[in-house]
């Protein structure tokens, strides 16, 4: 279950002097509070939703939203210095942006390593492979390397989700007979994305 919603935090309190309350009509002062509204997911603020200004007459204690008050009071309120939107209200958005940047960088580095590993195969390398069987995924493990050939053993199992390939990459699943490829064939399989990922311990 995803917990999400809106909330607010108090940004500033202050007071406006020498104003006429529209309710009690006394010449008085008003206390105000500025609240910043924000959307959250799992109680982490994601982005701001604006501000709410609440004023209270110090004589009759009636509360007002700013838009309910006369222009004179609005003008005095606007002369007060109000803080901008707190950075905290963007914290969730910042986390999301950082996570995207991290995964993009990590993916880029993994691609660089894959390109390096495919050029110099090593015993124990595990190639994630798009199978010929109805878009299934499997793996093959490098068991031998010569000057121009690469020998592999295919995984006994296939899986229908690329992201779940780790579930079948187990030592006991490599019992099928050994196959041989030229290094050029391995490079071609990588180039056409049949081999799409390489894991080297």
C-alpha atoms as a PDB file:
ATOM      1  CA  UNK A   1       0.000   0.000   0.000  1.00  0.00           C
ATOM      2  CA  UNK A   2       1.314   3.439  -0.952  1.00  0.00           C
ATOM      3  CA  UNK A   3       0.770   6.200   1.603  1.00  0.00           C
ATOM      4  CA  UNK A   4       0.394   9.584  -0.026  1.00  0.00           C
ATOM      5  CA  UNK A   5      -1.448  12.842   0.506  1.00  0.00           C
ATOM      6  CA  UNK A   6      -0.958  16.475   1.398  1.00  0.00           C
ATOM      7  CA  UNK A   7       0.229  18.191   4.536  1.00  0.00           C
ATOM      8  CA  UNK A   8       1.473  21.592   5.633  1.00  0.00           C
ATOM      9  CA  UNK A   9       4.162  23.084   7.822  1.00  0.00           C
ATOM     10  CA  UNK A  10       4.281  26.446   9.570  1.00  0.00           C
ATOM     11  CA  UNK A  11       6.679  28.793   7.763  1.00  0.00           C
ATOM     12  CA  UNK A  12       6.294  32.014   9.706  1.00  0.00           C
ATOM     13  CA  UNK A  13       4.329  33.781  12.450  1.00  0.00           C
ATOM     14  CA  UNK A  14       4.016  37.535  12.759  1.00  0.00           C
ATOM     15  CA  UNK A  15       1.797  40.465  13.639  1.00  0.00           C
ATOM     16  CA  UNK A  16       0.205  43.354  11.763  1.00  0.00           C
ATOM     17  CA  UNK A  17      -0.549  46.476  13.807  1.00  0.00           C
ATOM     18  CA  UNK A  18      -3.085  49.287  13.482  1.00  0.00           C
ATOM     19  CA  UNK A  19      -5.728  47.577  11.381  1.00  0.00           C
ATOM     20  CA  UNK A  20      -9.506  47.530  11.612  1.00  0.00           C
ATOM     21  CA  UNK A  21     -11.012  44.080  12.109  1.00  0.00           C
ATOM     22  CA  UNK A  22     -13.916  43.540   9.690  1.00  0.00           C
ATOM     23  CA  UNK A  23     -15.681  41.431  12.314  1.00  0.00           C
ATOM     24  CA  UNK A  24     -15.498  43.434  15.577  1.00  0.00           C
ATOM     25  CA  UNK A  25     -14.549  46.731  13.838  1.00  0.00           C
ATOM     26  CA  UNK A  26     -11.984  47.516  16.532  1.00  0.00           C
ATOM     27  CA  UNK A  27      -8.722  49.278  15.743  1.00  0.00           C
ATOM     28  CA  UNK A  28      -6.437  46.441  16.707  1.00  0.00           C
ATOM     29  CA  UNK A  29      -3.621  44.158  15.618  1.00  0.00           C
ATOM     30  CA  UNK A  30      -3.742  40.806  13.920  1.00  0.00           C
ATOM     31  CA  UNK A  31      -1.533  37.769  14.393  1.00  0.00           C
ATOM     32  CA  UNK A  32      -0.787  35.834  11.247  1.00  0.00           C
ATOM     33  CA  UNK A  33       0.659  32.449  10.358  1.00  0.00           C
ATOM     34  CA  UNK A  34       1.956  31.343   6.972  1.00  0.00           C
ATOM     35  CA  UNK A  35       1.700  27.633   6.167  1.00  0.00           C
ATOM     36  CA  UNK A  36       3.403  25.871   3.278  1.00  0.00           C
ATOM     37  CA  UNK A  37       1.379  23.023   1.751  1.00  0.00           C
ATOM     38  CA  UNK A  38       3.116  20.067   0.116  1.00  0.00           C
ATOM     39  CA  UNK A  39       2.384  16.666  -1.371  1.00  0.00           C
ATOM     40  CA  UNK A  40       4.057  13.638   0.188  1.00  0.00           C
ATOM     41  CA  UNK A  41       4.628   9.933  -0.414  1.00  0.00           C
ATOM     42  CA  UNK A  42       5.360   7.836   2.669  1.00  0.00           C
ATOM     43  CA  UNK A  43       5.519  11.136   4.596  1.00  0.00           C
ATOM     44  CA  UNK A  44       8.436  12.392   2.511  1.00  0.00           C
ATOM     45  CA  UNK A  45       7.636  15.799   0.950  1.00  0.00           C
ATOM     46  CA  UNK A  46       7.713  15.561  -2.846  1.00  0.00           C
ATOM     47  CA  UNK A  47       6.807  19.050  -4.082  1.00  0.00           C
ATOM     48  CA  UNK A  48       5.143  22.216  -2.733  1.00  0.00           C
ATOM     49  CA  UNK A  49       1.498  23.069  -3.373  1.00  0.00           C
ATOM     50  CA  UNK A  50       1.577  26.742  -2.414  1.00  0.00           C
ATOM     51  CA  UNK A  51       0.933  28.683   0.782  1.00  0.00           C
ATOM     52  CA  UNK A  52      -2.002  29.332   3.081  1.00  0.00           C
ATOM     53  CA  UNK A  53      -2.152  32.578   5.106  1.00  0.00           C
ATOM     54  CA  UNK A  54      -4.280  32.666   8.256  1.00  0.00           C
ATOM     55  CA  UNK A  55      -4.834  35.824  10.318  1.00  0.00           C
ATOM     56  CA  UNK A  56      -6.458  36.199  13.728  1.00  0.00           C
ATOM     57  CA  UNK A  57      -7.875  39.348  15.255  1.00  0.00           C
ATOM     58  CA  UNK A  58      -6.270  39.948  18.645  1.00  0.00           C
ATOM     59  CA  UNK A  59      -9.500  41.524  19.934  1.00  0.00           C
ATOM     60  CA  UNK A  60     -12.305  39.167  18.919  1.00  0.00           C
ATOM     61  CA  UNK A  61     -10.146  36.138  18.080  1.00  0.00           C
ATOM     62  CA  UNK A  62     -11.931  35.599  14.767  1.00  0.00           C
ATOM     63  CA  UNK A  63      -9.704  33.935  12.172  1.00  0.00           C
ATOM     64  CA  UNK A  64      -9.606  34.879   8.513  1.00  0.00           C
ATOM     65  CA  UNK A  65      -7.976  33.698   5.344  1.00  0.00           C
ATOM     66  CA  UNK A  66      -6.086  36.525   3.679  1.00  0.00           C
ATOM     67  CA  UNK A  67      -8.472  36.659   0.715  1.00  0.00           C
ATOM     68  CA  UNK A  68     -11.391  37.396   3.109  1.00  0.00           C
ATOM     69  CA  UNK A  69      -9.845  40.627   4.403  1.00  0.00           C
ATOM     70  CA  UNK A  70      -9.993  44.230   3.114  1.00  0.00           C
ATOM     71  CA  UNK A  71      -7.307  45.588   0.801  1.00  0.00           C
ATOM     72  CA  UNK A  72      -5.737  47.703   3.579  1.00  0.00           C
ATOM     73  CA  UNK A  73      -4.953  44.579   5.634  1.00  0.00           C
ATOM     74  CA  UNK A  74      -3.835  42.641   2.561  1.00  0.00           C
ATOM     75  CA  UNK A  75      -1.457  45.466   1.678  1.00  0.00           C
ATOM     76  CA  UNK A  76       0.050  45.561   5.179  1.00  0.00           C
ATOM     77  CA  UNK A  77       0.407  41.784   5.099  1.00  0.00           C
ATOM     78  CA  UNK A  78       2.233  41.896   1.742  1.00  0.00           C
ATOM     79  CA  UNK A  79       4.721  44.406   3.203  1.00  0.00           C
ATOM     80  CA  UNK A  80       5.827  41.760   5.678  1.00  0.00           C
ATOM     81  CA  UNK A  81       8.856  39.729   4.611  1.00  0.00           C
ATOM     82  CA  UNK A  82       7.801  36.145   4.002  1.00  0.00           C
ATOM     83  CA  UNK A  83      10.196  33.294   3.461  1.00  0.00           C
ATOM     84  CA  UNK A  84      10.090  31.442   0.199  1.00  0.00           C
ATOM     85  CA  UNK A  85       9.178  27.795  -0.133  1.00  0.00           C
ATOM     86  CA  UNK A  86      11.400  25.646   2.134  1.00  0.00           C
ATOM     87  CA  UNK A  87      13.879  23.378   0.400  1.00  0.00           C
ATOM     88  CA  UNK A  88      12.523  20.586   2.623  1.00  0.00           C
ATOM     89  CA  UNK A  89       9.310  20.603   0.582  1.00  0.00           C
ATOM     90  CA  UNK A  90      11.369  19.527  -2.458  1.00  0.00           C
ATOM     91  CA  UNK A  91      13.281  16.777  -0.596  1.00  0.00           C
ATOM     92  CA  UNK A  92      11.348  13.873  -2.104  1.00  0.00           C
ATOM     93  CA  UNK A  93      11.707  15.314  -5.593  1.00  0.00           C
ATOM     94  CA  UNK A  94      15.442  15.709  -4.995  1.00  0.00           C
ATOM     95  CA  UNK A  95      15.672  12.067  -3.872  1.00  0.00           C
ATOM     96  CA  UNK A  96      13.854  10.923  -7.028  1.00  0.00           C
ATOM     97  CA  UNK A  97      16.143  13.001  -9.275  1.00  0.00           C
ATOM     98  CA  UNK A  98      19.244  11.671  -7.492  1.00  0.00           C
ATOM     99  CA  UNK A  99      17.993   8.091  -7.773  1.00  0.00           C
ATOM    100  CA  UNK A 100      17.358   8.499 -11.514  1.00  0.00           C
ATOM    101  CA  UNK A 101      20.809  10.046 -11.967  1.00  0.00           C
ATOM    102  CA  UNK A 102      22.411   7.221  -9.971  1.00  0.00           C
ATOM    103  CA  UNK A 103      20.703   4.463 -11.971  1.00  0.00           C
ATOM    104  CA  UNK A 104      21.526   6.213 -15.256  1.00  0.00           C
ATOM    105  CA  UNK A 105      25.179   6.510 -14.230  1.00  0.00           C
ATOM    106  CA  UNK A 106      25.255   2.931 -12.921  1.00  0.00           C
ATOM    107  CA  UNK A 107      23.689   1.641 -16.151  1.00  0.00           C
ATOM    108  CA  UNK A 108      26.232   3.561 -18.206  1.00  0.00           C
ATOM    109  CA  UNK A 109      29.137   2.130 -16.190  1.00  0.00           C
ATOM    110  CA  UNK A 110      27.709  -1.391 -16.501  1.00  0.00           C
ATOM    111  CA  UNK A 111      27.503  -0.985 -20.292  1.00  0.00           C
ATOM    112  CA  UNK A 112      31.137   0.120 -20.353  1.00  0.00           C
ATOM    113  CA  UNK A 113      32.152  -2.963 -18.362  1.00  0.00           C
ATOM    114  CA  UNK A 114      30.057  -5.251 -20.581  1.00  0.00           C
ATOM    115  CA  UNK A 115      31.768  -3.843 -23.687  1.00  0.00           C
ATOM    116  CA  UNK A 116      35.136  -4.497 -22.063  1.00  0.00           C
ATOM    117  CA  UNK A 117      34.246  -8.027 -20.908  1.00  0.00           C
ATOM    118  CA  UNK A 118      32.862  -9.120 -24.299  1.00  0.00           C
ATOM    119  CA  UNK A 119      36.167  -8.191 -25.910  1.00  0.00           C
ATOM    120  CA  UNK A 120      38.135 -10.317 -23.439  1.00  0.00           C
ATOM    121  CA  UNK A 121      36.018 -13.292 -22.291  1.00  0.00           C
ATOM    122  CA  UNK A 122      37.044 -15.033 -19.067  1.00  0.00           C
ATOM    123  CA  UNK A 123      36.134 -18.391 -17.564  1.00  0.00           C
ATOM    124  CA  UNK A 124      33.219 -17.901 -15.171  1.00  0.00           C
ATOM    125  CA  UNK A 125      31.621 -15.015 -17.082  1.00  0.00           C
ATOM    126  CA  UNK A 126      27.831 -15.345 -17.151  1.00  0.00           C
ATOM    127  CA  UNK A 127      26.084 -13.995 -20.244  1.00  0.00           C
ATOM    128  CA  UNK A 128      22.423 -13.037 -19.926  1.00  0.00           C
ATOM    129  CA  UNK A 129      20.808 -14.111 -23.162  1.00  0.00           C
ATOM    130  CA  UNK A 130      17.546 -13.435 -25.000  1.00  0.00           C
ATOM    131  CA  UNK A 131      16.483 -16.963 -25.891  1.00  0.00           C
ATOM    132  CA  UNK A 132      15.117 -18.009 -29.292  1.00  0.00           C
ATOM    133  CA  UNK A 133      12.095 -19.488 -27.507  1.00  0.00           C
ATOM    134  CA  UNK A 134       9.241 -16.972 -27.495  1.00  0.00           C
ATOM    135  CA  UNK A 135      11.132 -14.094 -25.947  1.00  0.00           C
ATOM    136  CA  UNK A 136      12.283 -16.046 -22.903  1.00  0.00           C
ATOM    137  CA  UNK A 137      15.531 -15.233 -21.100  1.00  0.00           C
ATOM    138  CA  UNK A 138      18.321 -17.533 -19.998  1.00  0.00           C
ATOM    139  CA  UNK A 139      22.036 -17.496 -19.227  1.00  0.00           C
ATOM    140  CA  UNK A 140      25.180 -19.194 -20.418  1.00  0.00           C
ATOM    141  CA  UNK A 141      28.421 -19.554 -18.496  1.00  0.00           C
ATOM    142  CA  UNK A 142      31.878 -19.378 -20.054  1.00  0.00           C
ATOM    143  CA  UNK A 143      33.773 -22.617 -19.346  1.00  0.00           C
ATOM    144  CA  UNK A 144      36.760 -22.193 -21.642  1.00  0.00           C
ATOM    145  CA  UNK A 145      38.557 -19.592 -23.760  1.00  0.00           C
ATOM    146  CA  UNK A 146      41.159 -20.073 -26.508  1.00  0.00           C
ATOM    147  CA  UNK A 147      42.741 -17.628 -28.948  1.00  0.00           C
ATOM    148  CA  UNK A 148      39.711 -17.594 -31.223  1.00  0.00           C
ATOM    149  CA  UNK A 149      36.974 -19.552 -29.437  1.00  0.00           C
ATOM    150  CA  UNK A 150      34.703 -19.291 -26.411  1.00  0.00           C
ATOM    151  CA  UNK A 151      33.127 -22.381 -24.830  1.00  0.00           C
ATOM    152  CA  UNK A 152      29.923 -22.051 -22.827  1.00  0.00           C
ATOM    153  CA  UNK A 153      27.362 -24.133 -20.961  1.00  0.00           C
ATOM    154  CA  UNK A 154      23.731 -23.028 -21.252  1.00  0.00           C
ATOM    155  CA  UNK A 155      21.425 -22.742 -18.265  1.00  0.00           C
ATOM    156  CA  UNK A 156      18.894 -25.600 -18.058  1.00  0.00           C
ATOM    157  CA  UNK A 157      16.096 -23.095 -17.465  1.00  0.00           C
ATOM    158  CA  UNK A 158      14.486 -20.069 -19.064  1.00  0.00           C
ATOM    159  CA  UNK A 159      12.437 -17.294 -17.483  1.00  0.00           C
ATOM    160  CA  UNK A 160       9.950 -14.810 -18.903  1.00  0.00           C
ATOM    161  CA  UNK A 161      11.150 -11.703 -17.052  1.00  0.00           C
ATOM    162  CA  UNK A 162      14.460 -10.075 -17.885  1.00  0.00           C
ATOM    163  CA  UNK A 163      14.691  -8.533 -14.422  1.00  0.00           C
ATOM    164  CA  UNK A 164      14.317 -11.968 -12.785  1.00  0.00           C
ATOM    165  CA  UNK A 165      17.236 -13.651 -14.583  1.00  0.00           C
ATOM    166  CA  UNK A 166      19.136 -13.878 -11.284  1.00  0.00           C
ATOM    167  CA  UNK A 167      16.616 -16.477 -10.066  1.00  0.00           C
ATOM    168  CA  UNK A 168      17.901 -19.100 -12.488  1.00  0.00           C
ATOM    169  CA  UNK A 169      21.606 -18.179 -12.397  1.00  0.00           C
ATOM    170  CA  UNK A 170      22.588 -20.999 -10.060  1.00  0.00           C
ATOM    171  CA  UNK A 171      25.563 -23.347 -10.272  1.00  0.00           C
ATOM    172  CA  UNK A 172      23.396 -26.476 -10.285  1.00  0.00           C
ATOM    173  CA  UNK A 173      21.455 -25.249 -13.341  1.00  0.00           C
ATOM    174  CA  UNK A 174      24.416 -25.536 -15.739  1.00  0.00           C
ATOM    175  CA  UNK A 175      24.331 -29.201 -16.742  1.00  0.00           C
ATOM    176  CA  UNK A 176      23.683 -29.002 -20.508  1.00  0.00           C
ATOM    177  CA  UNK A 177      26.486 -30.023 -22.854  1.00  0.00           C
ATOM    178  CA  UNK A 178      29.202 -27.530 -23.735  1.00  0.00           C
ATOM    179  CA  UNK A 179      28.887 -25.381 -26.891  1.00  0.00           C
ATOM    180  CA  UNK A 180      31.585 -23.524 -28.749  1.00  0.00           C
ATOM    181  CA  UNK A 181      31.515 -20.127 -30.485  1.00  0.00           C
ATOM    182  CA  UNK A 182      34.151 -18.143 -32.270  1.00  0.00           C
ATOM    183  CA  UNK A 183      34.983 -14.865 -30.565  1.00  0.00           C
ATOM    184  CA  UNK A 184      33.526 -13.082 -33.590  1.00  0.00           C
ATOM    185  CA  UNK A 185      30.232 -14.940 -33.135  1.00  0.00           C
ATOM    186  CA  UNK A 186      30.145 -13.889 -29.472  1.00  0.00           C
ATOM    187  CA  UNK A 187      30.743 -10.266 -30.506  1.00  0.00           C
ATOM    188  CA  UNK A 188      27.916 -10.543 -33.060  1.00  0.00           C
ATOM    189  CA  UNK A 189      25.536 -11.933 -30.425  1.00  0.00           C
ATOM    190  CA  UNK A 190      26.395  -8.949 -28.206  1.00  0.00           C
ATOM    191  CA  UNK A 191      26.034  -6.475 -31.057  1.00  0.00           C
ATOM    192  CA  UNK A 192      22.511  -7.678 -31.905  1.00  0.00           C
ATOM    193  CA  UNK A 193      21.609  -7.718 -28.166  1.00  0.00           C
ATOM    194  CA  UNK A 194      21.071 -11.477 -27.970  1.00  0.00           C
ATOM    195  CA  UNK A 195      23.698 -11.263 -25.239  1.00  0.00           C
ATOM    196  CA  UNK A 196      22.550  -8.192 -23.326  1.00  0.00           C
ATOM    197  CA  UNK A 197      24.411  -8.330 -20.022  1.00  0.00           C
ATOM    198  CA  UNK A 198      27.625  -9.843 -18.658  1.00  0.00           C
ATOM    199  CA  UNK A 199      28.267 -10.726 -15.038  1.00  0.00           C
ATOM    200  CA  UNK A 200      31.865 -11.224 -13.937  1.00  0.00           C
ATOM    201  CA  UNK A 201      32.730 -11.971 -10.331  1.00  0.00           C
END
